[in-house]
Amino acid sequence: MEGQENFEHIKERFITADLDDKIKMYTSVQGLSVEQYKELLKYFPIKHLAALEKAMN
């Protein structure tokens, strides 16, 4: 349960973050499941996906 509470905190921060912080968070947070990463992507502006892909490479 603690892991889910931690993810909810991360998700709340992610939702309110600006684009640069969203990218930093997405590329630096460790220990999330594939489903949790997918959940965060729901709150990422789709028109900036290229910037996220570039940061991940």
PDB file of N, CA and C in Angstrom:
ATOM      1  N   MET A   1       0.823  -1.197   0.000  1.00  0.00           N
ATOM      2  CA  MET A   1       0.000   0.000   0.000  1.00  0.00           C
ATOM      3  C   MET A   1       0.865   1.258   0.000  1.00  0.00           C
ATOM      4  N   GLU A   2       1.984   1.192   0.678  1.00  0.00           N
ATOM      5  CA  GLU A   2       2.870   2.356   0.744  1.00  0.00           C
ATOM      6  C   GLU A   2       3.346   2.753  -0.652  1.00  0.00           C
ATOM      7  N   GLY A   3       3.654   1.777  -1.489  1.00  0.00           N
ATOM      8  CA  GLY A   3       4.097   2.064  -2.850  1.00  0.00           C
ATOM      9  C   GLY A   3       3.041   2.805  -3.645  1.00  0.00           C
ATOM     10  N   GLN A   4       1.781   2.427  -3.473  1.00  0.00           N
ATOM     11  CA  GLN A   4       0.689   3.099  -4.174  1.00  0.00           C
ATOM     12  C   GLN A   4       0.532   4.535  -3.673  1.00  0.00           C
ATOM     13  N   GLU A   5       0.656   4.740  -2.361  1.00  0.00           N
ATOM     14  CA  GLU A   5       0.572   6.097  -1.814  1.00  0.00           C
ATOM     15  C   GLU A   5       1.708   6.951  -2.351  1.00  0.00           C
ATOM     16  N   ASN A   6       2.901   6.372  -2.447  1.00  0.00           N
ATOM     17  CA  ASN A   6       4.037   7.090  -2.999  1.00  0.00           C
ATOM     18  C   ASN A   6       3.775   7.443  -4.458  1.00  0.00           C
ATOM     19  N   PHE A   7       3.213   6.508  -5.226  1.00  0.00           N
ATOM     20  CA  PHE A   7       2.907   6.784  -6.628  1.00  0.00           C
ATOM     21  C   PHE A   7       1.873   7.896  -6.743  1.00  0.00           C
ATOM     22  N   GLU A   8       0.865   7.887  -5.887  1.00  0.00           N
ATOM     23  CA  GLU A   8      -0.152   8.945  -5.929  1.00  0.00           C
ATOM     24  C   GLU A   8       0.489  10.311  -5.691  1.00  0.00           C
ATOM     25  N   HIS A   9       1.452  10.380  -4.796  1.00  0.00           N
ATOM     26  CA  HIS A   9       2.175  11.634  -4.546  1.00  0.00           C
ATOM     27  C   HIS A   9       2.967  12.038  -5.793  1.00  0.00           C
ATOM     28  N   ILE A  10       3.649  11.088  -6.396  1.00  0.00           N
ATOM     29  CA  ILE A  10       4.409  11.357  -7.617  1.00  0.00           C
ATOM     30  C   ILE A  10       3.467  11.843  -8.710  1.00  0.00           C
ATOM     31  N   LYS A  11       2.331  11.169  -8.857  1.00  0.00           N
ATOM     32  CA  LYS A  11       1.369  11.540  -9.899  1.00  0.00           C
ATOM     33  C   LYS A  11       0.845  12.951  -9.682  1.00  0.00           C
ATOM     34  N   GLU A  12       0.519  13.307  -8.451  1.00  0.00           N
ATOM     35  CA  GLU A  12       0.042  14.665  -8.159  1.00  0.00           C
ATOM     36  C   GLU A  12       1.090  15.705  -8.529  1.00  0.00           C
ATOM     37  N   ARG A  13       2.344  15.441  -8.170  1.00  0.00           N
ATOM     38  CA  ARG A  13       3.429  16.364  -8.518  1.00  0.00           C
ATOM     39  C   ARG A  13       3.590  16.438 -10.037  1.00  0.00           C
ATOM     40  N   PHE A  14       3.498  15.301 -10.702  1.00  0.00           N
ATOM     41  CA  PHE A  14       3.656  15.242 -12.151  1.00  0.00           C
ATOM     42  C   PHE A  14       2.570  16.067 -12.847  1.00  0.00           C
ATOM     43  N   ILE A  15       1.348  15.926 -12.389  1.00  0.00           N
ATOM     44  CA  ILE A  15       0.223  16.641 -13.007  1.00  0.00           C
ATOM     45  C   ILE A  15       0.426  18.147 -12.945  1.00  0.00           C
ATOM     46  N   THR A  16       0.947  18.650 -11.847  1.00  0.00           N
ATOM     47  CA  THR A  16       1.089  20.101 -11.681  1.00  0.00           C
ATOM     48  C   THR A  16       2.423  20.648 -12.171  1.00  0.00           C
ATOM     49  N   ALA A  17       3.343  19.771 -12.553  1.00  0.00           N
ATOM     50  CA  ALA A  17       4.673  20.211 -12.983  1.00  0.00           C
ATOM     51  C   ALA A  17       4.629  20.853 -14.370  1.00  0.00           C
ATOM     52  N   ASP A  18       5.612  21.714 -14.627  1.00  0.00           N
ATOM     53  CA  ASP A  18       5.740  22.248 -15.978  1.00  0.00           C
ATOM     54  C   ASP A  18       6.399  21.192 -16.867  1.00  0.00           C
ATOM     55  N   LEU A  19       6.506  21.468 -18.146  1.00  0.00           N
ATOM     56  CA  LEU A  19       6.993  20.479 -19.105  1.00  0.00           C
ATOM     57  C   LEU A  19       8.385  19.958 -18.749  1.00  0.00           C
ATOM     58  N   ASP A  20       9.303  20.854 -18.440  1.00  0.00           N
ATOM     59  CA  ASP A  20      10.669  20.416 -18.117  1.00  0.00           C
ATOM     60  C   ASP A  20      10.690  19.515 -16.887  1.00  0.00           C
ATOM     61  N   ASP A  21       9.909  19.865 -15.878  1.00  0.00           N
ATOM     62  CA  ASP A  21       9.870  19.040 -14.667  1.00  0.00           C
ATOM     63  C   ASP A  21       9.192  17.700 -14.927  1.00  0.00           C
ATOM     64  N   LYS A  22       8.170  17.689 -15.789  1.00  0.00           N
ATOM     65  CA  LYS A  22       7.536  16.420 -16.152  1.00  0.00           C
ATOM     66  C   LYS A  22       8.565  15.494 -16.794  1.00  0.00           C
ATOM     67  N   ILE A  23       9.372  16.035 -17.700  1.00  0.00           N
ATOM     68  CA  ILE A  23      10.395  15.239 -18.372  1.00  0.00           C
ATOM     69  C   ILE A  23      11.420  14.740 -17.359  1.00  0.00           C
ATOM     70  N   LYS A  24      11.878  15.615 -16.473  1.00  0.00           N
ATOM     71  CA  LYS A  24      12.850  15.203 -15.453  1.00  0.00           C
ATOM     72  C   LYS A  24      12.282  14.101 -14.572  1.00  0.00           C
ATOM     73  N   MET A  25      11.050  14.273 -14.142  1.00  0.00           N
ATOM     74  CA  MET A  25      10.431  13.270 -13.277  1.00  0.00           C
ATOM     75  C   MET A  25      10.279  11.942 -14.003  1.00  0.00           C
ATOM     76  N   TYR A  26       9.771  11.987 -15.228  1.00  0.00           N
ATOM     77  CA  TYR A  26       9.501  10.751 -15.968  1.00  0.00           C
ATOM     78  C   TYR A  26      10.783   9.974 -16.223  1.00  0.00           C
ATOM     79  N   THR A  27      11.866  10.682 -16.468  1.00  0.00           N
ATOM     80  CA  THR A  27      13.120  10.003 -16.800  1.00  0.00           C
ATOM     81  C   THR A  27      13.959   9.654 -15.573  1.00  0.00           C
ATOM     82  N   SER A  28      13.601  10.171 -14.399  1.00  0.00           N
ATOM     83  CA  SER A  28      14.449   9.918 -13.232  1.00  0.00           C
ATOM     84  C   SER A  28      13.797   9.077 -12.133  1.00  0.00           C
ATOM     85  N   VAL A  29      12.471   9.026 -12.093  1.00  0.00           N
ATOM     86  CA  VAL A  29      11.793   8.245 -11.065  1.00  0.00           C
ATOM     87  C   VAL A  29      12.035   6.764 -11.331  1.00  0.00           C
ATOM     88  N   GLN A  30      12.404   6.047 -10.282  1.00  0.00           N
ATOM     89  CA  GLN A  30      12.704   4.627 -10.429  1.00  0.00           C
ATOM     90  C   GLN A  30      11.701   3.796  -9.644  1.00  0.00           C
ATOM     91  N   GLY A  31      11.562   2.557 -10.050  1.00  0.00           N
ATOM     92  CA  GLY A  31      10.742   1.615  -9.305  1.00  0.00           C
ATOM     93  C   GLY A  31       9.275   1.612  -9.661  1.00  0.00           C
ATOM     94  N   LEU A  32       8.883   2.321 -10.727  1.00  0.00           N
ATOM     95  CA  LEU A  32       7.488   2.306 -11.132  1.00  0.00           C
ATOM     96  C   LEU A  32       7.225   1.117 -12.046  1.00  0.00           C
ATOM     97  N   SER A  33       5.997   0.663 -12.030  1.00  0.00           N
ATOM     98  CA  SER A  33       5.604  -0.405 -12.940  1.00  0.00           C
ATOM     99  C   SER A  33       5.298   0.192 -14.311  1.00  0.00           C
ATOM    100  N   VAL A  34       5.190  -0.668 -15.299  1.00  0.00           N
ATOM    101  CA  VAL A  34       4.824  -0.216 -16.645  1.00  0.00           C
ATOM    102  C   VAL A  34       3.484   0.510 -16.597  1.00  0.00           C
ATOM    103  N   GLU A  35       2.550  -0.033 -15.843  1.00  0.00           N
ATOM    104  CA  GLU A  35       1.226   0.596 -15.728  1.00  0.00           C
ATOM    105  C   GLU A  35       1.313   1.989 -15.109  1.00  0.00           C
ATOM    106  N   GLN A  36       2.188   2.164 -14.136  1.00  0.00           N
ATOM    107  CA  GLN A  36       2.343   3.482 -13.507  1.00  0.00           C
ATOM    108  C   GLN A  36       2.964   4.480 -14.484  1.00  0.00           C
ATOM    109  N   TYR A  37       3.942   4.040 -15.269  1.00  0.00           N
ATOM    110  CA  TYR A  37       4.497   4.934 -16.294  1.00  0.00           C
ATOM    111  C   TYR A  37       3.421   5.320 -17.309  1.00  0.00           C
ATOM    112  N   LYS A  38       2.592   4.357 -17.697  1.00  0.00           N
ATOM    113  CA  LYS A  38       1.499   4.642 -18.629  1.00  0.00           C
ATOM    114  C   LYS A  38       0.525   5.648 -18.017  1.00  0.00           C
ATOM    115  N   GLU A  39       0.272   5.515 -16.735  1.00  0.00           N
ATOM    116  CA  GLU A  39      -0.629   6.443 -16.044  1.00  0.00           C
ATOM    117  C   GLU A  39      -0.068   7.864 -16.099  1.00  0.00           C
ATOM    118  N   LEU A  40       1.233   8.013 -15.876  1.00  0.00           N
ATOM    119  CA  LEU A  40       1.844   9.344 -15.953  1.00  0.00           C
ATOM    120  C   LEU A  40       1.732   9.921 -17.359  1.00  0.00           C
ATOM    121  N   LEU A  41       1.874   9.073 -18.364  1.00  0.00           N
ATOM    122  CA  LEU A  41       1.789   9.560 -19.745  1.00  0.00           C
ATOM    123  C   LEU A  41       0.428  10.171 -20.069  1.00  0.00           C
ATOM    124  N   LYS A  42      -0.595   9.767 -19.356  1.00  0.00           N
ATOM    125  CA  LYS A  42      -1.921  10.349 -19.567  1.00  0.00           C
ATOM    126  C   LYS A  42      -1.915  11.842 -19.266  1.00  0.00           C
ATOM    127  N   TYR A  43      -0.973  12.276 -18.442  1.00  0.00           N
ATOM    128  CA  TYR A  43      -0.903  13.680 -18.027  1.00  0.00           C
ATOM    129  C   TYR A  43       0.244  14.428 -18.703  1.00  0.00           C
ATOM    130  N   PHE A  44       0.820  13.819 -19.723  1.00  0.00           N
ATOM    131  CA  PHE A  44       1.909  14.458 -20.463  1.00  0.00           C
ATOM    132  C   PHE A  44       1.331  15.032 -21.747  1.00  0.00           C
ATOM    133  N   PRO A  45       1.674  16.283 -22.070  1.00  0.00           N
ATOM    134  CA  PRO A  45       1.121  16.891 -23.289  1.00  0.00           C
ATOM    135  C   PRO A  45       1.631  16.163 -24.537  1.00  0.00           C
ATOM    136  N   ILE A  46       0.719  15.580 -25.277  1.00  0.00           N
ATOM    137  CA  ILE A  46       1.060  14.732 -26.412  1.00  0.00           C
ATOM    138  C   ILE A  46       1.897  15.464 -27.467  1.00  0.00           C
ATOM    139  N   LYS A  47       1.685  16.753 -27.614  1.00  0.00           N
ATOM    140  CA  LYS A  47       2.442  17.495 -28.633  1.00  0.00           C
ATOM    141  C   LYS A  47       3.922  17.610 -28.279  1.00  0.00           C
ATOM    142  N   HIS A  48       4.299  17.251 -27.041  1.00  0.00           N
ATOM    143  CA  HIS A  48       5.699  17.330 -26.615  1.00  0.00           C
ATOM    144  C   HIS A  48       6.335  15.957 -26.409  1.00  0.00           C
ATOM    145  N   LEU A  49       5.704  14.918 -26.939  1.00  0.00           N
ATOM    146  CA  LEU A  49       6.251  13.573 -26.767  1.00  0.00           C
ATOM    147  C   LEU A  49       7.648  13.432 -27.364  1.00  0.00           C
ATOM    148  N   ALA A  50       7.936  14.152 -28.442  1.00  0.00           N
ATOM    149  CA  ALA A  50       9.271  14.078 -29.055  1.00  0.00           C
ATOM    150  C   ALA A  50      10.344  14.531 -28.052  1.00  0.00           C
ATOM    151  N   ALA A  51      10.040  15.547 -27.264  1.00  0.00           N
ATOM    152  CA  ALA A  51      11.004  16.016 -26.257  1.00  0.00           C
ATOM    153  C   ALA A  51      11.241  14.949 -25.196  1.00  0.00           C
ATOM    154  N   LEU A  52      10.200  14.246 -24.816  1.00  0.00           N
ATOM    155  CA  LEU A  52      10.342  13.167 -23.835  1.00  0.00           C
ATOM    156  C   LEU A  52      11.151  12.027 -24.422  1.00  0.00           C
ATOM    157  N   GLU A  53      10.864  11.658 -25.645  1.00  0.00           N
ATOM    158  CA  GLU A  53      11.623  10.583 -26.306  1.00  0.00           C
ATOM    159  C   GLU A  53      13.095  10.944 -26.402  1.00  0.00           C
ATOM    160  N   LYS A  54      13.397  12.192 -26.750  1.00  0.00           N
ATOM    161  CA  LYS A  54      14.783  12.643 -26.861  1.00  0.00           C
ATOM    162  C   LYS A  54      15.482  12.542 -25.504  1.00  0.00           C
ATOM    163  N   ALA A  55      14.793  12.927 -24.438  1.00  0.00           N
ATOM    164  CA  ALA A  55      15.387  12.888 -23.098  1.00  0.00           C
ATOM    165  C   ALA A  55      15.637  11.449 -22.638  1.00  0.00           C
ATOM    166  N   MET A  56      14.860  10.527 -23.145  1.00  0.00           N
ATOM    167  CA  MET A  56      15.000   9.134 -22.732  1.00  0.00           C
ATOM    168  C   MET A  56      16.126   8.417 -23.462  1.00  0.00           C
ATOM    169  N   ASN A  57      16.608   8.981 -24.541  1.00  0.00           N
ATOM    170  CA  ASN A  57      17.694   8.339 -25.307  1.00  0.00           C
ATOM    171  C   ASN A  57      19.057   8.771 -24.853  1.00  0.00           C
TER     172      ASN A  57
END
